[in-house]
Amino acid sequence: MHILKEIWDFFQNQILGMKWLNELTGSLLTWLGLDASNRWVGSLQFFVYDVIKITVLLCVLIFLVSYVQSYFPPERSRKILGRFRGVGANIIAALLGTVTPFCSCSSIPLFIGFTSAGLPLGVTFSFLISSPMVDLGSLVLLMSIFGPKIAIAYVVVGLMIAVAGGTLIEKLHMEKHVESFILTAGSVDIESPDLTMKDRVEYAKEQMFSTFKKVFPYVLIGVGIGAIIHNWIPEEWVATALGSKNPLGVIIATLLGVPMYADIFGTIPIAEALLAKGAQLGVILSFMMAVTTLSLPSMIMLRKAVKPKLLVLFVAICTVGIVVVGYVFNFVQNFIM
């Protein structure tokens, strides 16, 4: 058992976390004559290390997720979802959301397509909540920072919010609050051609390059913010605003996350820096969920498809779910861990 733990620790720290890369970056900067104790040099080390680490993991994960996604094109996903009813359909929709694009804005066109195709509204909202909040790539990246227990817990609660939110919207019969052009659009029933393994690899490569180009600017921004937090923001500031002594930390983090626009890869370096500064776990996860699920640009796009009452309900459900999750994780961290 001890040997297995050592193997897992090595995998988490050196393969996923790439601690060797951080040490190599520090040694390189020292070799160049820079003082490692200087804040600017520390920020540079954090920036270079995190950009390289996330870039490598990002490309590998996008390729693997896109390869899996090649088995679930929109038409096949629609047919799979159409076979289920009730909460089971919401669960399947939330699970399918884990193999779709990485940001909330890119998920909305699929949401519109599924709704136009006649799928139950609650089912399509379960997909819409799950897709940006939870994906296979985020599971691996979260494991590299928080460990497997927290990473799996994040994915599970994200899926629970997606299923609960979609189910509630379904029970409230909000179909009349979808814009009429969505409901009357219909769909074209086209079978996706069978792809060979070579075709799927080419598709995964194209998706990797395409998604990376879209995501990388947000990674740079996220790592830049993380570097500032890590080396320039005093720990007592973070502890005061987001630590255990502030009962409003979760709410503050959620409200701060809403105006931002990034996918989970852009939020992870910020989360990593906040964790190092003493922010509570629930606060960090609430911030990540708010950024990925409730970004202002995605809400503007979604307003084109749904009427204000349904949009407000969607935001309220997600916000309440995110805040509850944050406080639950804080409780677990304070009293159980």
C-alpha atoms as a PDB file:
ATOM      1  CA  MET A   1       0.000   0.000   0.000  1.00  0.00           C
ATOM      2  CA  HIS A   2       2.875   2.351   0.853  1.00  0.00           C
ATOM      3  CA  ILE A   3       4.458   1.684  -2.548  1.00  0.00           C
ATOM      4  CA  LEU A   4       1.180   2.471  -4.333  1.00  0.00           C
ATOM      5  CA  LYS A   5       0.939   5.754  -2.418  1.00  0.00           C
ATOM      6  CA  GLU A   6       4.481   6.675  -3.436  1.00  0.00           C
ATOM      7  CA  ILE A   7       3.697   5.868  -7.070  1.00  0.00           C
ATOM      8  CA  TRP A   8       0.526   7.972  -6.947  1.00  0.00           C
ATOM      9  CA  ASP A   9       2.320  10.885  -5.229  1.00  0.00           C
ATOM     10  CA  PHE A  10       4.987  10.782  -7.937  1.00  0.00           C
ATOM     11  CA  PHE A  11       2.323  10.757 -10.660  1.00  0.00           C
ATOM     12  CA  GLN A  12       0.404  13.644  -9.087  1.00  0.00           C
ATOM     13  CA  ASN A  13       3.410  15.809  -8.225  1.00  0.00           C
ATOM     14  CA  GLN A  14       5.842  15.104 -11.037  1.00  0.00           C
ATOM     15  CA  ILE A  15       3.638  14.056 -13.977  1.00  0.00           C
ATOM     16  CA  LEU A  16       0.481  16.113 -13.460  1.00  0.00           C
ATOM     17  CA  GLY A  17       1.886  18.859 -11.225  1.00  0.00           C
ATOM     18  CA  MET A  18       5.281  18.966 -13.011  1.00  0.00           C
ATOM     19  CA  LYS A  19       7.115  20.048  -9.842  1.00  0.00           C
ATOM     20  CA  TRP A  20      10.364  19.215 -11.642  1.00  0.00           C
ATOM     21  CA  LEU A  21       9.529  21.935 -14.170  1.00  0.00           C
ATOM     22  CA  ASN A  22       9.128  24.518 -11.401  1.00  0.00           C
ATOM     23  CA  GLU A  23      12.529  23.571  -9.978  1.00  0.00           C
ATOM     24  CA  LEU A  24      14.068  23.631 -13.459  1.00  0.00           C
ATOM     25  CA  THR A  25      12.598  27.075 -14.144  1.00  0.00           C
ATOM     26  CA  GLY A  26      13.958  28.401 -10.846  1.00  0.00           C
ATOM     27  CA  SER A  27      17.403  26.935 -11.546  1.00  0.00           C
ATOM     28  CA  LEU A  28      17.419  28.459 -15.045  1.00  0.00           C
ATOM     29  CA  LEU A  29      16.522  31.919 -13.720  1.00  0.00           C
ATOM     30  CA  THR A  30      19.248  31.613 -11.069  1.00  0.00           C
ATOM     31  CA  TRP A  31      21.730  30.532 -13.749  1.00  0.00           C
ATOM     32  CA  LEU A  32      20.827  33.683 -15.668  1.00  0.00           C
ATOM     33  CA  GLY A  33      21.910  35.694 -12.638  1.00  0.00           C
ATOM     34  CA  LEU A  34      18.447  36.565 -11.305  1.00  0.00           C
ATOM     35  CA  ASP A  35      17.728  36.641  -7.567  1.00  0.00           C
ATOM     36  CA  ALA A  36      15.108  33.996  -6.748  1.00  0.00           C
ATOM     37  CA  SER A  37      14.072  35.887  -3.605  1.00  0.00           C
ATOM     38  CA  ASN A  38      13.084  38.964  -5.636  1.00  0.00           C
ATOM     39  CA  ARG A  39       9.304  39.351  -6.073  1.00  0.00           C
ATOM     40  CA  TRP A  40       9.585  40.119  -9.771  1.00  0.00           C
ATOM     41  CA  VAL A  41      11.724  37.032 -10.329  1.00  0.00           C
ATOM     42  CA  GLY A  42       9.284  34.954  -8.260  1.00  0.00           C
ATOM     43  CA  SER A  43       6.408  36.211 -10.397  1.00  0.00           C
ATOM     44  CA  LEU A  44       8.363  35.407 -13.553  1.00  0.00           C
ATOM     45  CA  GLN A  45       9.104  31.876 -12.301  1.00  0.00           C
ATOM     46  CA  PHE A  46       5.428  31.300 -11.451  1.00  0.00           C
ATOM     47  CA  PHE A  47       4.361  32.663 -14.854  1.00  0.00           C
ATOM     48  CA  VAL A  48       6.831  30.642 -16.951  1.00  0.00           C
ATOM     49  CA  TYR A  49       6.257  27.434 -14.997  1.00  0.00           C
ATOM     50  CA  ASP A  50       2.455  27.620 -15.035  1.00  0.00           C
ATOM     51  CA  VAL A  51       2.210  28.652 -18.699  1.00  0.00           C
ATOM     52  CA  ILE A  52       4.385  25.722 -19.810  1.00  0.00           C
ATOM     53  CA  LYS A  53       2.674  23.255 -17.475  1.00  0.00           C
ATOM     54  CA  ILE A  54      -0.860  24.242 -18.449  1.00  0.00           C
ATOM     55  CA  THR A  55       0.055  24.432 -22.154  1.00  0.00           C
ATOM     56  CA  VAL A  56       1.399  20.874 -22.165  1.00  0.00           C
ATOM     57  CA  LEU A  57      -1.512  19.467 -20.159  1.00  0.00           C
ATOM     58  CA  LEU A  58      -3.986  21.540 -22.148  1.00  0.00           C
ATOM     59  CA  CYS A  59      -2.849  20.239 -25.526  1.00  0.00           C
ATOM     60  CA  VAL A  60      -2.761  16.620 -24.358  1.00  0.00           C
ATOM     61  CA  LEU A  61      -6.161  16.869 -22.690  1.00  0.00           C
ATOM     62  CA  ILE A  62      -7.862  18.711 -25.560  1.00  0.00           C
ATOM     63  CA  PHE A  63      -6.576  16.059 -27.964  1.00  0.00           C
ATOM     64  CA  LEU A  64      -7.843  13.177 -25.808  1.00  0.00           C
ATOM     65  CA  VAL A  65     -11.192  14.830 -25.020  1.00  0.00           C
ATOM     66  CA  SER A  66     -11.709  15.747 -28.685  1.00  0.00           C
ATOM     67  CA  TYR A  67     -10.999  12.166 -29.709  1.00  0.00           C
ATOM     68  CA  VAL A  68     -13.709  11.013 -27.285  1.00  0.00           C
ATOM     69  CA  GLN A  69     -15.958  13.821 -28.497  1.00  0.00           C
ATOM     70  CA  SER A  70     -15.674  12.527 -32.087  1.00  0.00           C
ATOM     71  CA  TYR A  71     -17.955   9.686 -31.000  1.00  0.00           C
ATOM     72  CA  PHE A  72     -20.600  12.190 -29.833  1.00  0.00           C
ATOM     73  CA  PRO A  73     -21.365  14.671 -32.627  1.00  0.00           C
ATOM     74  CA  PRO A  74     -24.473  16.837 -32.045  1.00  0.00           C
ATOM     75  CA  GLU A  75     -26.805  14.572 -34.005  1.00  0.00           C
ATOM     76  CA  ARG A  76     -25.728  11.443 -32.149  1.00  0.00           C
ATOM     77  CA  SER A  77     -25.948  13.288 -28.816  1.00  0.00           C
ATOM     78  CA  ARG A  78     -29.474  14.413 -29.695  1.00  0.00           C
ATOM     79  CA  LYS A  79     -30.496  10.837 -30.489  1.00  0.00           C
ATOM     80  CA  ILE A  80     -28.965   9.532 -27.259  1.00  0.00           C
ATOM     81  CA  LEU A  81     -30.760  12.160 -25.191  1.00  0.00           C
ATOM     82  CA  GLY A  82     -34.018  11.497 -27.037  1.00  0.00           C
ATOM     83  CA  ARG A  83     -34.114   7.926 -25.752  1.00  0.00           C
ATOM     84  CA  PHE A  84     -34.378   8.946 -22.092  1.00  0.00           C
ATOM     85  CA  ARG A  85     -37.073  10.617 -20.026  1.00  0.00           C
ATOM     86  CA  GLY A  86     -37.255  12.263 -16.622  1.00  0.00           C
ATOM     87  CA  VAL A  87     -34.277  12.631 -14.333  1.00  0.00           C
ATOM     88  CA  GLY A  88     -32.442   9.912 -16.280  1.00  0.00           C
ATOM     89  CA  ALA A  89     -32.378  12.213 -19.314  1.00  0.00           C
ATOM     90  CA  ASN A  90     -30.982  15.043 -17.191  1.00  0.00           C
ATOM     91  CA  ILE A  91     -28.225  12.770 -15.887  1.00  0.00           C
ATOM     92  CA  ILE A  92     -27.275  11.648 -19.404  1.00  0.00           C
ATOM     93  CA  ALA A  93     -27.313  15.269 -20.632  1.00  0.00           C
ATOM     94  CA  ALA A  94     -25.041  16.352 -17.773  1.00  0.00           C
ATOM     95  CA  LEU A  95     -22.639  13.489 -18.522  1.00  0.00           C
ATOM     96  CA  LEU A  96     -22.594  14.357 -22.233  1.00  0.00           C
ATOM     97  CA  GLY A  97     -21.709  17.892 -21.226  1.00  0.00           C
ATOM     98  CA  THR A  98     -18.386  16.623 -19.909  1.00  0.00           C
ATOM     99  CA  VAL A  99     -17.169  15.748 -23.441  1.00  0.00           C
ATOM    100  CA  THR A 100     -18.143  18.991 -25.158  1.00  0.00           C
ATOM    101  CA  PRO A 101     -16.335  22.353 -25.662  1.00  0.00           C
ATOM    102  CA  PHE A 102     -14.603  24.071 -22.821  1.00  0.00           C
ATOM    103  CA  CYS A 103     -16.324  27.423 -22.334  1.00  0.00           C
ATOM    104  CA  SER A 104     -19.890  28.545 -21.713  1.00  0.00           C
ATOM    105  CA  CYS A 105     -20.135  30.574 -24.931  1.00  0.00           C
ATOM    106  CA  SER A 106     -19.218  27.609 -27.133  1.00  0.00           C
ATOM    107  CA  SER A 107     -21.838  25.444 -25.379  1.00  0.00           C
ATOM    108  CA  ILE A 108     -24.743  27.781 -26.110  1.00  0.00           C
ATOM    109  CA  PRO A 109     -24.978  26.985 -29.869  1.00  0.00           C
ATOM    110  CA  LEU A 110     -25.308  23.293 -28.996  1.00  0.00           C
ATOM    111  CA  PHE A 111     -27.933  24.157 -26.382  1.00  0.00           C
ATOM    112  CA  ILE A 112     -29.889  26.061 -29.044  1.00  0.00           C
ATOM    113  CA  GLY A 113     -29.560  23.166 -31.477  1.00  0.00           C
ATOM    114  CA  PHE A 114     -30.775  20.606 -28.963  1.00  0.00           C
ATOM    115  CA  THR A 115     -33.703  22.810 -27.950  1.00  0.00           C
ATOM    116  CA  SER A 116     -34.638  23.412 -31.589  1.00  0.00           C
ATOM    117  CA  ALA A 117     -34.535  19.653 -32.161  1.00  0.00           C
ATOM    118  CA  GLY A 118     -37.356  19.205 -29.647  1.00  0.00           C
ATOM    119  CA  LEU A 119     -35.469  17.867 -26.651  1.00  0.00           C
ATOM    120  CA  PRO A 120     -37.045  18.701 -23.264  1.00  0.00           C
ATOM    121  CA  LEU A 121     -35.955  22.109 -22.027  1.00  0.00           C
ATOM    122  CA  GLY A 122     -34.793  20.803 -18.666  1.00  0.00           C
ATOM    123  CA  VAL A 123     -32.558  18.267 -20.392  1.00  0.00           C
ATOM    124  CA  THR A 124     -30.911  20.910 -22.560  1.00  0.00           C
ATOM    125  CA  PHE A 125     -30.310  23.109 -19.505  1.00  0.00           C
ATOM    126  CA  SER A 126     -28.633  20.221 -17.674  1.00  0.00           C
ATOM    127  CA  PHE A 127     -26.306  20.011 -20.647  1.00  0.00           C
ATOM    128  CA  LEU A 128     -25.776  23.794 -20.673  1.00  0.00           C
ATOM    129  CA  ILE A 129     -24.812  23.880 -16.976  1.00  0.00           C
ATOM    130  CA  SER A 130     -22.569  20.831 -17.109  1.00  0.00           C
ATOM    131  CA  SER A 131     -20.671  21.598 -20.303  1.00  0.00           C
ATOM    132  CA  PRO A 132     -18.606  24.601 -19.138  1.00  0.00           C
ATOM    133  CA  MET A 133     -18.515  23.682 -15.441  1.00  0.00           C
ATOM    134  CA  VAL A 134     -17.278  20.105 -15.710  1.00  0.00           C
ATOM    135  CA  ASP A 135     -15.170  18.349 -18.324  1.00  0.00           C
ATOM    136  CA  LEU A 136     -12.712  15.487 -18.463  1.00  0.00           C
ATOM    137  CA  GLY A 137      -9.783  17.839 -18.878  1.00  0.00           C
ATOM    138  CA  SER A 138     -10.646  19.824 -15.771  1.00  0.00           C
ATOM    139  CA  LEU A 139     -10.710  16.610 -13.733  1.00  0.00           C
ATOM    140  CA  VAL A 140      -7.076  15.891 -14.584  1.00  0.00           C
ATOM    141  CA  LEU A 141      -5.907  19.477 -14.089  1.00  0.00           C
ATOM    142  CA  LEU A 142      -7.717  19.763 -10.760  1.00  0.00           C
ATOM    143  CA  MET A 143      -6.055  16.537  -9.656  1.00  0.00           C
ATOM    144  CA  SER A 144      -2.661  18.113 -10.354  1.00  0.00           C
ATOM    145  CA  ILE A 145      -3.385  20.876  -7.793  1.00  0.00           C
ATOM    146  CA  PHE A 146      -5.983  19.672  -5.287  1.00  0.00           C
ATOM    147  CA  GLY A 147      -5.539  15.908  -5.455  1.00  0.00           C
ATOM    148  CA  PRO A 148      -7.972  13.213  -6.592  1.00  0.00           C
ATOM    149  CA  LYS A 149     -10.532  13.511  -3.760  1.00  0.00           C
ATOM    150  CA  ILE A 150     -11.227  17.212  -4.303  1.00  0.00           C
ATOM    151  CA  ALA A 151     -11.099  16.887  -8.101  1.00  0.00           C
ATOM    152  CA  ILE A 152     -13.643  14.061  -8.149  1.00  0.00           C
ATOM    153  CA  ALA A 153     -15.816  15.874  -5.590  1.00  0.00           C
ATOM    154  CA  TYR A 154     -15.796  18.999  -7.787  1.00  0.00           C
ATOM    155  CA  VAL A 155     -16.945  16.989 -10.808  1.00  0.00           C
ATOM    156  CA  VAL A 156     -19.646  15.186  -8.813  1.00  0.00           C
ATOM    157  CA  VAL A 157     -21.140  18.360  -7.326  1.00  0.00           C
ATOM    158  CA  GLY A 158     -20.950  20.065 -10.721  1.00  0.00           C
ATOM    159  CA  LEU A 159     -22.995  17.251 -12.228  1.00  0.00           C
ATOM    160  CA  MET A 160     -25.430  17.419  -9.296  1.00  0.00           C
ATOM    161  CA  ILE A 161     -26.013  21.138  -9.902  1.00  0.00           C
ATOM    162  CA  ALA A 162     -26.568  20.440 -13.614  1.00  0.00           C
ATOM    163  CA  VAL A 163     -29.069  17.650 -12.963  1.00  0.00           C
ATOM    164  CA  ALA A 164     -30.912  19.541 -10.203  1.00  0.00           C
ATOM    165  CA  GLY A 165     -31.054  22.762 -12.228  1.00  0.00           C
ATOM    166  CA  GLY A 166     -32.343  21.079 -15.361  1.00  0.00           C
ATOM    167  CA  THR A 167     -34.893  19.058 -13.398  1.00  0.00           C
ATOM    168  CA  LEU A 168     -36.241  22.179 -11.669  1.00  0.00           C
ATOM    169  CA  ILE A 169     -36.583  24.055 -14.961  1.00  0.00           C
ATOM    170  CA  GLU A 170     -38.379  21.035 -16.414  1.00  0.00           C
ATOM    171  CA  LYS A 171     -40.840  20.910 -13.495  1.00  0.00           C
ATOM    172  CA  LEU A 172     -41.616  24.636 -13.810  1.00  0.00           C
ATOM    173  CA  HIS A 173     -42.582  24.217 -17.509  1.00  0.00           C
ATOM    174  CA  MET A 174     -40.624  27.218 -18.783  1.00  0.00           C
ATOM    175  CA  GLU A 175     -40.970  26.390 -22.500  1.00  0.00           C
ATOM    176  CA  LYS A 176     -42.990  29.564 -23.171  1.00  0.00           C
ATOM    177  CA  HIS A 177     -39.989  31.596 -22.068  1.00  0.00           C
ATOM    178  CA  VAL A 178     -37.821  30.337 -24.928  1.00  0.00           C
ATOM    179  CA  GLU A 179     -37.627  32.703 -27.900  1.00  0.00           C
ATOM    180  CA  SER A 180     -40.051  31.626 -30.642  1.00  0.00           C
ATOM    181  CA  PHE A 181     -37.421  31.354 -33.376  1.00  0.00           C
ATOM    182  CA  ILE A 182     -35.681  28.619 -31.339  1.00  0.00           C
ATOM    183  CA  LEU A 183     -38.825  26.539 -30.936  1.00  0.00           C
ATOM    184  CA  THR A 184     -39.783  26.800 -34.625  1.00  0.00           C
ATOM    185  CA  ALA A 185     -36.332  26.246 -36.079  1.00  0.00           C
ATOM    186  CA  GLY A 186     -36.603  22.470 -36.328  1.00  0.00           C
ATOM    187  CA  SER A 187     -33.605  20.288 -37.057  1.00  0.00           C
ATOM    188  CA  VAL A 188     -32.025  18.469 -39.950  1.00  0.00           C
ATOM    189  CA  ASP A 189     -31.727  14.761 -39.303  1.00  0.00           C
ATOM    190  CA  ILE A 190     -28.350  13.944 -40.803  1.00  0.00           C
ATOM    191  CA  GLU A 191     -26.468  10.802 -39.904  1.00  0.00           C
ATOM    192  CA  SER A 192     -22.847  11.452 -38.991  1.00  0.00           C
ATOM    193  CA  PRO A 193     -20.544   9.449 -41.268  1.00  0.00           C
ATOM    194  CA  ASP A 194     -18.517   6.656 -39.748  1.00  0.00           C
ATOM    195  CA  LEU A 195     -15.035   7.897 -38.990  1.00  0.00           C
ATOM    196  CA  THR A 196     -11.879   5.825 -39.149  1.00  0.00           C
ATOM    197  CA  MET A 197      -9.306   6.029 -36.390  1.00  0.00           C
ATOM    198  CA  LYS A 198      -7.167   8.217 -38.659  1.00  0.00           C
ATOM    199  CA  ASP A 199     -10.136  10.548 -39.198  1.00  0.00           C
ATOM    200  CA  ARG A 200     -10.697  10.806 -35.461  1.00  0.00           C
ATOM    201  CA  VAL A 201      -7.014  11.558 -34.826  1.00  0.00           C
ATOM    202  CA  GLU A 202      -7.092  14.293 -37.488  1.00  0.00           C
ATOM    203  CA  TYR A 203     -10.283  15.695 -35.967  1.00  0.00           C
ATOM    204  CA  ALA A 204      -8.700  15.659 -32.493  1.00  0.00           C
ATOM    205  CA  LYS A 205      -5.601  17.470 -33.838  1.00  0.00           C
ATOM    206  CA  GLU A 206      -7.729  20.129 -35.520  1.00  0.00           C
ATOM    207  CA  GLN A 207      -9.788  20.614 -32.373  1.00  0.00           C
ATOM    208  CA  MET A 208      -6.630  20.800 -30.272  1.00  0.00           C
ATOM    209  CA  PHE A 209      -5.108  23.599 -32.363  1.00  0.00           C
ATOM    210  CA  SER A 210      -8.416  25.426 -32.769  1.00  0.00           C
ATOM    211  CA  THR A 211      -9.360  25.270 -29.089  1.00  0.00           C
ATOM    212  CA  PHE A 212      -5.837  26.078 -27.952  1.00  0.00           C
ATOM    213  CA  LYS A 213      -5.828  29.294 -30.005  1.00  0.00           C
ATOM    214  CA  LYS A 214      -9.102  30.348 -28.349  1.00  0.00           C
ATOM    215  CA  VAL A 215      -8.149  29.283 -24.841  1.00  0.00           C
ATOM    216  CA  PHE A 216      -4.487  30.318 -24.651  1.00  0.00           C
ATOM    217  CA  PRO A 217      -5.080  34.085 -24.215  1.00  0.00           C
ATOM    218  CA  TYR A 218      -7.221  33.337 -21.159  1.00  0.00           C
ATOM    219  CA  VAL A 219      -4.525  31.013 -19.822  1.00  0.00           C
ATOM    220  CA  LEU A 220      -2.007  33.866 -20.090  1.00  0.00           C
ATOM    221  CA  ILE A 221      -4.400  36.240 -18.328  1.00  0.00           C
ATOM    222  CA  GLY A 222      -5.210  33.675 -15.636  1.00  0.00           C
ATOM    223  CA  VAL A 223      -1.551  32.839 -15.017  1.00  0.00           C
ATOM    224  CA  GLY A 224      -0.706  36.554 -14.945  1.00  0.00           C
ATOM    225  CA  ILE A 225      -3.352  37.186 -12.281  1.00  0.00           C
ATOM    226  CA  GLY A 226      -2.156  34.108 -10.414  1.00  0.00           C
ATOM    227  CA  ALA A 227       1.444  35.370 -10.477  1.00  0.00           C
ATOM    228  CA  ILE A 228       0.339  38.709  -9.024  1.00  0.00           C
ATOM    229  CA  ILE A 229      -1.681  37.022  -6.276  1.00  0.00           C
ATOM    230  CA  HIS A 230       1.114  34.546  -5.552  1.00  0.00           C
ATOM    231  CA  ASN A 231       3.900  37.093  -5.129  1.00  0.00           C
ATOM    232  CA  TRP A 232       2.366  40.521  -4.551  1.00  0.00           C
ATOM    233  CA  ILE A 233      -0.897  40.138  -2.610  1.00  0.00           C
ATOM    234  CA  PRO A 234      -0.234  39.775   1.149  1.00  0.00           C
ATOM    235  CA  GLU A 235      -1.552  36.556   2.653  1.00  0.00           C
ATOM    236  CA  GLU A 236      -3.437  38.458   5.333  1.00  0.00           C
ATOM    237  CA  TRP A 237      -5.465  40.280   2.651  1.00  0.00           C
ATOM    238  CA  VAL A 238      -6.566  37.014   1.054  1.00  0.00           C
ATOM    239  CA  ALA A 239      -7.196  35.427   4.451  1.00  0.00           C
ATOM    240  CA  THR A 240      -9.314  38.407   5.527  1.00  0.00           C
ATOM    241  CA  ALA A 241     -11.445  38.494   2.365  1.00  0.00           C
ATOM    242  CA  LEU A 242     -11.623  34.804   1.487  1.00  0.00           C
ATOM    243  CA  GLY A 243     -10.467  32.946   4.583  1.00  0.00           C
ATOM    244  CA  SER A 244     -12.382  31.086   7.265  1.00  0.00           C
ATOM    245  CA  LYS A 245     -13.005  34.215   9.359  1.00  0.00           C
ATOM    246  CA  ASN A 246     -15.137  35.819   6.653  1.00  0.00           C
ATOM    247  CA  PRO A 247     -18.532  34.066   6.393  1.00  0.00           C
ATOM    248  CA  LEU A 248     -19.269  35.985   3.185  1.00  0.00           C
ATOM    249  CA  GLY A 249     -16.152  34.700   1.381  1.00  0.00           C
ATOM    250  CA  VAL A 250     -18.104  32.278  -0.814  1.00  0.00           C
ATOM    251  CA  ILE A 251     -20.598  34.955  -1.873  1.00  0.00           C
ATOM    252  CA  ILE A 252     -17.803  37.453  -2.599  1.00  0.00           C
ATOM    253  CA  ALA A 253     -15.933  34.907  -4.723  1.00  0.00           C
ATOM    254  CA  THR A 254     -19.087  33.999  -6.660  1.00  0.00           C
ATOM    255  CA  LEU A 255     -19.903  37.657  -7.387  1.00  0.00           C
ATOM    256  CA  LEU A 256     -16.292  38.342  -8.432  1.00  0.00           C
ATOM    257  CA  GLY A 257     -16.368  35.401 -10.823  1.00  0.00           C
ATOM    258  CA  VAL A 258     -19.550  36.317 -12.716  1.00  0.00           C
ATOM    259  CA  PRO A 259     -18.231  39.308 -14.733  1.00  0.00           C
ATOM    260  CA  MET A 260     -15.124  37.401 -15.803  1.00  0.00           C
ATOM    261  CA  TYR A 261     -14.897  35.307 -18.961  1.00  0.00           C
ATOM    262  CA  ALA A 262     -12.629  32.285 -19.029  1.00  0.00           C
ATOM    263  CA  ASP A 263     -12.806  28.530 -19.152  1.00  0.00           C
ATOM    264  CA  ILE A 264     -11.629  26.310 -16.345  1.00  0.00           C
ATOM    265  CA  PHE A 265      -8.082  26.254 -17.702  1.00  0.00           C
ATOM    266  CA  GLY A 266      -7.851  30.012 -17.222  1.00  0.00           C
ATOM    267  CA  THR A 267      -9.199  29.876 -13.664  1.00  0.00           C
ATOM    268  CA  ILE A 268      -6.977  27.071 -12.373  1.00  0.00           C
ATOM    269  CA  PRO A 269      -3.779  29.186 -12.000  1.00  0.00           C
ATOM    270  CA  ILE A 270      -5.788  31.800 -10.078  1.00  0.00           C
ATOM    271  CA  ALA A 271      -7.203  29.048  -7.870  1.00  0.00           C
ATOM    272  CA  GLU A 272      -3.707  27.670  -7.323  1.00  0.00           C
ATOM    273  CA  ALA A 273      -2.434  31.072  -6.171  1.00  0.00           C
ATOM    274  CA  LEU A 274      -5.446  31.682  -3.907  1.00  0.00           C
ATOM    275  CA  LEU A 275      -4.986  28.270  -2.306  1.00  0.00           C
ATOM    276  CA  ALA A 276      -1.337  29.040  -1.575  1.00  0.00           C
ATOM    277  CA  LYS A 277      -2.391  32.316   0.059  1.00  0.00           C
ATOM    278  CA  GLY A 278      -4.829  30.643   2.441  1.00  0.00           C
ATOM    279  CA  ALA A 279      -8.192  31.078   0.716  1.00  0.00           C
ATOM    280  CA  GLN A 280     -10.733  28.444   1.721  1.00  0.00           C
ATOM    281  CA  LEU A 281     -11.374  25.552  -0.611  1.00  0.00           C
ATOM    282  CA  GLY A 282     -15.097  26.243  -0.980  1.00  0.00           C
ATOM    283  CA  VAL A 283     -14.372  29.868  -1.845  1.00  0.00           C
ATOM    284  CA  ILE A 284     -11.944  28.820  -4.586  1.00  0.00           C
ATOM    285  CA  LEU A 285     -14.307  26.261  -6.109  1.00  0.00           C
ATOM    286  CA  SER A 286     -17.218  28.739  -6.028  1.00  0.00           C
ATOM    287  CA  PHE A 287     -15.080  31.274  -7.872  1.00  0.00           C
ATOM    288  CA  MET A 288     -14.132  28.712 -10.533  1.00  0.00           C
ATOM    289  CA  MET A 289     -17.727  27.585 -11.025  1.00  0.00           C
ATOM    290  CA  ALA A 290     -19.011  31.165 -11.276  1.00  0.00           C
ATOM    291  CA  VAL A 291     -16.413  32.131 -13.900  1.00  0.00           C
ATOM    292  CA  THR A 292     -16.997  29.070 -16.070  1.00  0.00           C
ATOM    293  CA  THR A 293     -20.798  28.892 -15.807  1.00  0.00           C
ATOM    294  CA  LEU A 294     -22.088  32.445 -15.357  1.00  0.00           C
ATOM    295  CA  SER A 295     -19.710  34.635 -17.354  1.00  0.00           C
ATOM    296  CA  LEU A 296     -21.270  37.881 -18.561  1.00  0.00           C
ATOM    297  CA  PRO A 297     -20.577  37.231 -22.295  1.00  0.00           C
ATOM    298  CA  SER A 298     -22.318  33.855 -22.146  1.00  0.00           C
ATOM    299  CA  MET A 299     -25.332  35.389 -20.395  1.00  0.00           C
ATOM    300  CA  ILE A 300     -25.596  37.981 -23.187  1.00  0.00           C
ATOM    301  CA  MET A 301     -25.524  35.189 -25.769  1.00  0.00           C
ATOM    302  CA  LEU A 302     -28.069  33.119 -23.857  1.00  0.00           C
ATOM    303  CA  ARG A 303     -30.434  36.108 -23.663  1.00  0.00           C
ATOM    304  CA  LYS A 304     -30.767  35.900 -27.463  1.00  0.00           C
ATOM    305  CA  ALA A 305     -32.257  32.428 -27.069  1.00  0.00           C
ATOM    306  CA  VAL A 306     -34.380  32.732 -23.916  1.00  0.00           C
ATOM    307  CA  LYS A 307     -36.594  35.411 -22.381  1.00  0.00           C
ATOM    308  CA  PRO A 308     -35.584  37.365 -19.251  1.00  0.00           C
ATOM    309  CA  LYS A 309     -37.631  35.299 -16.786  1.00  0.00           C
ATOM    310  CA  LEU A 310     -35.971  32.034 -17.836  1.00  0.00           C
ATOM    311  CA  LEU A 311     -32.532  33.675 -17.929  1.00  0.00           C
ATOM    312  CA  VAL A 312     -32.992  35.007 -14.385  1.00  0.00           C
ATOM    313  CA  LEU A 313     -34.154  31.577 -13.206  1.00  0.00           C
ATOM    314  CA  PHE A 314     -31.110  29.925 -14.794  1.00  0.00           C
ATOM    315  CA  VAL A 315     -28.730  32.411 -13.155  1.00  0.00           C
ATOM    316  CA  ALA A 316     -30.510  32.048  -9.798  1.00  0.00           C
ATOM    317  CA  ILE A 317     -30.353  28.246  -9.863  1.00  0.00           C
ATOM    318  CA  CYS A 318     -26.654  28.232 -10.760  1.00  0.00           C
ATOM    319  CA  THR A 319     -25.796  30.934  -8.221  1.00  0.00           C
ATOM    320  CA  VAL A 320     -27.614  29.212  -5.349  1.00  0.00           C
ATOM    321  CA  GLY A 321     -26.057  25.870  -6.292  1.00  0.00           C
ATOM    322  CA  ILE A 322     -22.554  27.357  -6.484  1.00  0.00           C
ATOM    323  CA  VAL A 323     -22.905  29.174  -3.150  1.00  0.00           C
ATOM    324  CA  VAL A 324     -24.254  26.063  -1.406  1.00  0.00           C
ATOM    325  CA  VAL A 325     -21.396  23.981  -2.810  1.00  0.00           C
ATOM    326  CA  GLY A 326     -18.901  26.573  -1.597  1.00  0.00           C
ATOM    327  CA  TYR A 327     -20.187  26.532   1.970  1.00  0.00           C
ATOM    328  CA  VAL A 328     -20.354  22.716   1.993  1.00  0.00           C
ATOM    329  CA  PHE A 329     -16.712  22.460   0.909  1.00  0.00           C
ATOM    330  CA  ASN A 330     -15.721  25.059   3.524  1.00  0.00           C
ATOM    331  CA  PHE A 331     -17.493  23.002   6.188  1.00  0.00           C
ATOM    332  CA  VAL A 332     -15.749  19.835   5.044  1.00  0.00           C
ATOM    333  CA  GLN A 333     -12.383  21.587   5.020  1.00  0.00           C
ATOM    334  CA  ASN A 334     -12.836  23.107   8.498  1.00  0.00           C
ATOM    335  CA  PHE A 335     -14.427  20.228  10.385  1.00  0.00           C
ATOM    336  CA  ILE A 336     -13.627  17.000   8.592  1.00  0.00           C
ATOM    337  CA  MET A 337     -10.310  17.321   6.772  1.00  0.00           C
END
